């Protein structure tokens, strides 16, 4: 079994800005090493934490990644209040509709 290779936001109350990139600050970001199925880059918890991060730049980076997001997360991002994120995730969803995508719900069922 593989390990998650994602940065995860630290849920700590501190004075750092929220909009810096994952991994750029050890006070705000930590490396995850949860077990994930082979072929996945990150665990569901990290994927959700990035998708709901308060920084639009973090959510946009997730929406722009190719082949790493589940359909569920892209659907969540397609409803983002930031129109650029919603558009990017919607475009990624339409591309996945033609080529297939990882869907966490299908893996569970």
Foldseek 3Di string as FASTA:
>chain_A
DFWAFFKAFDPDDDDDDQADDGPPDPVTIDGGGHDDPPPARHDPVRLVRQLPRPHPVSNQVSLQDPQHDALVSLVSQLPDPPPVSVVSSVVNNVVCVVVPHHHVVVVVD
